[in-house]
Protein backbone atom coordinates (compact mmCIF):
# COMPACT_ATOMS: atom_id res chain seq x y z
CA MET A 1 116.58 43.74 110.78
CA THR A 2 116.47 44.96 107.18
CA PRO A 3 113.61 47.27 106.17
CA ASN A 4 112.08 47.21 102.72
CA LEU A 5 114.04 49.84 100.80
CA LYS A 6 114.25 51.52 97.45
CA PRO A 7 118.03 51.88 97.12
CA GLY A 8 119.53 54.99 95.62
CA GLY A 9 121.42 58.15 96.37
CA THR A 10 120.42 60.62 99.05
CA PRO A 11 118.24 63.39 97.57
CA HIS A 12 118.33 66.99 98.70
CA ALA A 13 115.62 67.81 101.23
CA THR A 14 113.93 70.91 102.55
CA PRO A 15 114.01 71.62 106.32
CA ASP A 16 110.41 70.35 106.61
CA GLU A 17 111.29 67.16 104.76
CA LYS A 18 114.30 66.63 107.01
CA ARG A 19 112.11 66.95 110.10
CA ASP A 20 109.76 64.35 108.62
CA ARG A 21 112.61 61.87 108.46
CA PHE A 22 112.83 61.46 112.21
CA ALA A 23 110.33 58.98 113.59
CA THR A 24 109.66 56.70 116.54
CA LEU A 25 108.04 53.42 115.56
CA THR A 26 106.62 50.81 117.92
CA PHE A 27 105.91 47.16 117.12
CA GLU A 28 104.26 44.64 119.44
CA ARG A 29 103.87 40.89 119.08
CA GLU A 30 102.23 38.25 121.26
CA VAL A 31 104.06 34.95 120.82
CA ALA A 32 102.84 31.48 121.81
CA ALA A 33 106.27 30.42 123.05
CA PRO A 34 108.11 30.57 126.39
CA LEU A 35 110.00 33.75 127.18
CA SER A 36 113.33 31.91 127.22
CA VAL A 37 112.64 30.53 123.73
CA LEU A 38 111.67 33.92 122.31
CA TRP A 39 114.90 35.42 123.68
CA GLN A 40 116.96 32.71 121.99
CA ALA A 41 115.09 33.22 118.71
CA TRP A 42 115.79 36.97 118.94
CA THR A 43 119.49 36.73 119.79
CA ALA A 44 120.98 33.45 118.49
CA PRO A 45 122.71 34.12 115.14
CA ALA A 46 121.49 30.85 113.60
CA ALA A 47 117.92 31.72 114.57
CA ARG A 48 118.17 35.29 113.28
CA ALA A 49 119.29 33.92 109.92
CA VAL A 50 116.05 31.93 109.71
CA TRP A 51 113.61 34.81 110.17
CA ALA A 52 115.54 37.91 109.04
CA ALA A 53 114.32 38.15 105.43
CA PRO A 54 111.12 40.23 105.23
CA SER A 55 109.75 38.28 102.22
CA PRO A 56 110.57 35.17 100.14
CA SER A 57 111.93 37.38 97.34
CA VAL A 58 114.67 38.66 99.66
CA THR A 59 117.84 36.75 100.50
CA VAL A 60 119.84 37.78 103.56
CA GLU A 61 123.54 36.89 103.67
CA PHE A 62 125.24 37.21 107.05
CA LEU A 63 128.85 38.39 106.93
CA GLU A 64 129.36 38.75 110.69
CA ALA A 65 127.30 37.72 113.69
CA GLU A 66 128.38 38.15 117.30
CA THR A 67 125.58 38.65 119.80
CA ARG A 68 127.31 40.19 122.79
CA VAL A 69 127.62 43.69 124.15
CA GLY A 70 130.14 45.36 121.85
CA GLY A 71 129.60 42.74 119.14
CA ARG A 72 127.96 43.39 115.81
CA GLU A 73 125.99 41.73 113.04
CA VAL A 74 126.57 42.63 109.40
CA SER A 75 124.30 41.34 106.65
CA LEU A 76 123.52 41.96 103.00
CA CYS A 77 119.93 42.09 101.86
CA LYS A 78 119.72 40.87 98.26
CA VAL A 79 116.86 41.36 95.81
CA GLU A 80 117.28 40.29 92.19
CA GLY A 81 117.92 43.26 89.92
CA GLN A 82 118.58 45.71 92.77
CA PRO A 83 121.77 46.82 94.53
CA ASP A 84 122.56 45.00 97.78
CA ILE A 85 121.48 46.68 100.98
CA ARG A 86 123.94 46.52 103.87
CA CYS A 87 122.67 46.34 107.43
CA GLU A 88 125.02 46.79 110.40
CA CYS A 89 123.65 46.04 113.85
CA GLY A 90 125.74 46.78 116.95
CA TRP A 91 124.68 45.38 120.32
CA LEU A 92 124.71 48.02 123.07
CA ALA A 93 122.87 46.18 125.87
CA LEU A 94 121.71 42.60 126.42
CA GLN A 95 119.74 41.67 129.53
CA PRO A 96 118.67 38.04 128.97
CA ALA A 97 114.92 37.56 128.59
CA GLU A 98 114.37 41.22 129.53
CA CYS A 99 115.76 43.78 127.10
CA SER A 100 118.16 44.37 124.23
CA VAL A 101 119.38 47.62 122.68
CA ASN A 102 121.21 47.93 119.39
CA TYR A 103 122.05 50.53 116.79
CA GLU A 104 121.35 49.84 113.15
CA VAL A 105 122.88 51.48 110.07
CA ILE A 106 121.35 50.82 106.64
CA SER A 107 123.33 51.67 103.51
CA SER A 108 123.28 50.98 99.79
CA GLN A 109 126.12 51.42 97.31
CA GLY A 110 128.19 53.07 100.04
CA VAL A 111 125.51 55.66 100.85
CA THR A 112 123.95 55.67 104.32
CA GLN A 113 120.17 55.47 104.10
CA SER A 114 119.24 55.50 107.78
CA VAL A 115 120.48 55.19 111.34
CA SER A 116 118.28 53.90 114.14
CA LEU A 117 118.27 52.86 117.78
CA VAL A 118 116.33 49.66 118.40
CA THR A 119 115.08 48.71 121.87
CA ALA A 120 113.38 45.36 122.42
CA ASP A 121 111.52 44.66 125.67
CA PHE A 122 110.46 41.13 126.62
CA LEU A 123 107.73 39.97 128.97
CA GLY A 124 106.25 36.53 129.46
CA THR A 125 106.01 33.20 131.18
CA SER A 126 106.90 29.59 130.48
CA GLU A 127 103.91 29.45 128.12
CA ARG A 128 103.56 32.79 126.29
CA SER A 129 105.62 35.90 125.58
CA ARG A 130 105.21 39.51 124.54
CA LEU A 131 107.75 41.52 122.56
CA VAL A 132 107.71 45.31 122.23
CA VAL A 133 110.23 46.81 119.79
CA THR A 134 110.82 50.57 119.64
CA VAL A 135 112.73 52.01 116.68
CA GLN A 136 114.03 55.58 116.91
CA LEU A 137 114.72 56.34 113.28
CA SER A 138 116.85 59.01 111.62
CA SER A 139 116.40 58.77 107.86
CA MET A 140 118.62 60.21 105.17
CA ALA A 141 116.49 58.89 102.29
CA GLU A 142 112.86 59.14 101.34
CA ASP A 143 110.22 56.62 102.36
CA MET A 144 112.38 55.04 105.04
CA GLU A 145 109.62 55.17 107.65
CA THR A 146 107.33 53.22 105.35
CA GLY A 147 110.14 50.78 104.60
CA TYR A 148 110.80 50.25 108.30
CA GLN A 149 107.11 49.70 109.01
CA GLN A 150 106.95 47.04 106.32
CA GLY A 151 110.35 45.44 106.93
CA PHE A 152 110.20 45.31 110.72
CA GLY A 153 106.57 44.23 110.66
CA ALA A 154 107.29 41.31 108.32
CA GLY A 155 110.47 40.36 110.20
CA LEU A 156 108.68 40.26 113.55
CA ASP A 157 105.91 38.15 112.05
CA ASN A 158 108.61 35.74 110.87
CA LEU A 159 110.22 35.83 114.32
CA ALA A 160 106.96 34.99 116.06
CA GLY A 161 106.35 32.07 113.70
CA ALA A 162 109.89 30.78 114.14
CA ALA A 163 109.78 31.07 117.95
CA GLU A 164 106.54 29.09 118.04
CA ARG A 165 108.26 26.11 116.39
CA THR A 166 111.54 26.41 118.31
CA MET A 167 112.79 24.02 120.97
CA VAL A 168 115.54 25.15 123.36
CA LEU A 169 117.36 22.82 125.74
CA GLN A 170 119.96 23.85 128.29
CA ARG A 171 122.29 22.12 130.73
CA VAL A 172 125.04 23.33 133.04
CA ILE A 173 127.99 20.96 132.86
CA GLY A 174 130.55 20.98 135.65
CA ALA A 175 133.60 21.20 133.40
CA PRO A 176 135.53 23.95 131.59
CA ARG A 177 134.34 25.00 128.15
CA THR A 178 137.48 23.67 126.48
CA MET A 179 136.63 20.15 127.66
CA VAL A 180 132.97 20.38 126.65
CA TRP A 181 133.81 21.85 123.26
CA GLY A 182 136.49 19.21 122.76
CA ALA A 183 134.05 16.39 123.44
CA TRP A 184 131.52 17.86 120.99
CA MET A 185 133.85 18.80 118.15
CA ASN A 186 136.08 15.72 118.13
CA PRO A 187 135.07 13.27 115.37
CA GLU A 188 136.08 10.33 117.56
CA SER A 189 134.28 11.39 120.74
CA LEU A 190 131.06 12.94 119.34
CA PRO A 191 129.58 9.60 118.19
CA GLN A 192 130.38 8.05 121.56
CA TRP A 193 127.88 10.16 123.49
CA TRP A 194 125.46 11.63 120.93
CA GLY A 195 121.84 10.55 121.24
CA PRO A 196 119.39 9.69 124.03
CA ASP A 197 119.97 7.01 126.65
CA GLY A 198 120.37 3.58 125.09
CA PHE A 199 120.99 4.90 121.56
CA SER A 200 124.23 4.44 119.64
CA CYS A 201 125.69 6.06 116.51
CA ARG A 202 127.07 4.50 113.36
CA THR A 203 129.07 7.05 111.36
CA LYS A 204 129.34 7.02 107.58
CA ARG A 205 131.46 10.16 107.31
CA ILE A 206 132.24 13.06 109.63
CA ASP A 207 133.90 16.45 109.09
CA LEU A 208 133.31 18.86 111.97
CA ARG A 209 134.14 22.25 110.45
CA THR A 210 132.36 25.08 108.67
CA GLY A 211 131.07 23.57 105.44
CA GLY A 212 131.51 20.06 106.82
CA GLU A 213 128.94 17.38 107.58
CA TRP A 214 128.16 14.33 109.69
CA VAL A 215 126.27 11.51 108.02
CA PHE A 216 125.29 8.82 110.51
CA ASP A 217 122.65 6.43 111.74
CA MET A 218 121.18 6.60 115.21
CA ILE A 219 120.32 3.14 116.43
CA ALA A 220 117.60 2.73 119.05
CA PRO A 221 117.75 0.13 121.83
CA ASP A 222 115.31 -2.06 119.84
CA GLY A 223 117.55 -1.90 116.75
CA THR A 224 115.50 0.67 114.81
CA VAL A 225 117.76 2.75 112.55
CA PHE A 226 117.22 6.50 112.16
CA PRO A 227 119.32 8.00 109.31
CA ASN A 228 120.70 11.49 110.07
CA HIS A 229 122.65 14.14 108.20
CA HIS A 230 124.03 17.28 109.87
CA ARG A 231 125.45 20.07 107.70
CA TYR A 232 127.61 22.64 109.50
CA GLY A 233 127.08 26.20 108.32
CA GLU A 234 129.14 27.78 111.10
CA VAL A 235 131.74 26.55 113.56
CA ARG A 236 133.04 29.28 115.85
CA PRO A 237 135.65 27.49 117.99
CA GLY A 238 134.79 27.41 121.67
CA GLU A 239 131.64 29.49 121.23
CA ARG A 240 128.94 28.11 118.95
CA ILE A 241 127.94 25.77 116.16
CA GLY A 242 125.24 26.37 113.55
CA TYR A 243 123.97 23.43 111.50
CA THR A 244 121.00 22.01 109.61
CA LEU A 245 119.35 18.65 110.32
CA LEU A 246 118.29 16.54 107.35
CA TRP A 247 116.11 13.44 107.23
CA GLY A 248 118.81 11.04 106.09
CA GLU A 249 121.70 11.68 103.72
CA ASN A 250 120.84 14.66 101.50
CA GLY A 251 117.23 14.32 102.56
CA PRO A 252 114.74 17.11 103.28
CA LYS A 253 115.65 19.60 106.00
CA HIS A 254 113.63 19.29 109.16
CA ALA A 255 115.35 21.84 111.42
CA ASP A 256 117.91 24.63 111.72
CA ALA A 257 119.93 24.13 114.88
CA TRP A 258 122.63 25.70 116.99
CA ALA A 259 124.66 24.92 120.07
CA SER A 260 126.33 27.60 122.19
CA PHE A 261 128.84 27.26 125.02
CA GLU A 262 129.28 29.77 127.86
CA GLU A 263 131.71 29.29 130.74
CA LEU A 264 131.22 30.66 134.23
CA ASP A 265 133.20 29.70 137.33
CA GLY A 266 134.61 26.57 135.76
CA SER A 267 131.26 25.24 134.53
CA THR A 268 129.82 25.42 131.01
CA THR A 269 126.24 26.24 130.06
CA VAL A 270 125.34 24.41 126.86
CA THR A 271 122.32 25.73 124.97
CA LEU A 272 120.92 23.59 122.17
CA GLY A 273 118.29 25.21 119.95
CA MET A 274 116.26 23.86 117.03
CA ILE A 275 113.84 25.69 114.75
CA PHE A 276 111.74 23.05 113.04
CA SER A 277 110.89 23.63 109.39
CA THR A 278 107.14 23.38 109.96
CA ASP A 279 104.78 23.59 112.89
CA ALA A 280 103.67 20.04 112.14
CA GLU A 281 107.24 18.75 112.58
CA PHE A 282 107.58 20.72 115.82
CA GLN A 283 104.34 19.26 117.20
CA GLU A 284 105.38 15.76 116.13
CA ALA A 285 108.75 16.19 117.86
CA LYS A 286 107.08 17.36 121.06
CA GLY A 287 104.65 14.47 120.80
CA PHE A 288 107.33 11.79 120.79
CA GLY A 289 109.23 13.44 123.66
CA ALA A 290 112.05 15.16 121.77
CA GLU A 291 112.66 17.57 124.66
CA GLU A 292 113.28 14.79 127.16
CA LEU A 293 115.36 12.83 124.63
CA GLY A 294 117.44 15.93 123.92
CA LEU A 295 118.04 16.49 127.62
CA GLN A 296 119.16 12.86 127.89
CA THR A 297 121.68 13.57 125.11
CA LEU A 298 123.09 16.54 127.03
CA GLY A 299 123.20 14.34 130.11
CA LYS A 300 125.30 11.81 128.23
CA LEU A 301 127.61 14.64 127.18
CA GLU A 302 128.05 15.63 130.83
CA ARG A 303 128.78 12.07 131.91
CA PHE A 304 131.27 11.65 129.06
CA VAL A 305 133.12 14.87 129.92
CA THR A 306 133.17 14.46 133.70
CA SER A 307 134.36 10.85 133.47
CA ARG A 308 137.54 11.81 131.62
C-alpha cells in the first residue's frame, strides 16, 4: 500500500532524527461486509488494484501481483509532475480470513525511502468485519511517518468502501484445475455453460487472453436480451482471471471482477469476485438475486466439466 510521499534523495540525519524515523503505526477499520469478503478484497490482486490509490490524483500501475507466501506485488505510484514511487510488497504469511504479514519497500528514483513490516489481523462474522493493520516502519527519508498515516489511512478507507460493495461466490468442483480452467478459457466451451439456469449466450466476438474481450448477449428463458461486454485485464493461465464488466458493448463499467482457481486433492475451488462500481449497483444486484444466479452459473460449470 503506497503512502503519500515527497520523493527525493535521502538527507543526512542526526542520531536523534534517525531514532525518530522508527515508528509503529496502527490502523483499525470496521467494515460492513462478511469476513470472507474482506479477506478477498485485501488479497485478490484485481481487488487490490481497485482500492490501492490513496487519492484520485494518484494512479497505481501494477507490474507484478502474486498473493501467496513467497510471492510479491510490485507497483508504481504515479502523480503528474513527480517521479514515480515504487512499492514492493512481499508476502511472508497468509492465514485465510485471520492474518497476513508482508514486508514493504518504498523507493523513488532508485533510492530506498522506507522499509516496513505490515501485519493485518482480521475478525468478523458473516455480516461484519474488523481489520487491524500494524505497520512497523523504518524510514530513511523525512516525513515518512506522516506519509504512511495519510496513505494507509486513505487506502484502508478505500478498501472498506470496496469490500462493502463486493460480492464473492465460491464452489468446489470435483475435477482437476486443468479441466476447470479449460472449460472456462476455451472460446467454444465458455458460452455453452455461462449464465444462470435457463439462460443462453449469443457471442458476437470472443478473445480470451490478456487484453482480449468477450462481447455477447445473455438471453433469459423469456427471451429478454441482456448485452454484456467483458474486458480481460489479466489472464494468468491455470490460476486467475481479472476482467471488467460493461453494460453492453463499450458501455459503462459496472464491476471489476476476478476468478481464481485452486486445486486440492483432485478438486478445484473456484472463487468468483465482483466489486461493483457503486453501492447502488451492488444493492440492485443483491436485490434481483445476483448471488443465487451466480451460484447457478458455477453449478452449470461443474455440470459441464464433470459430464465430459
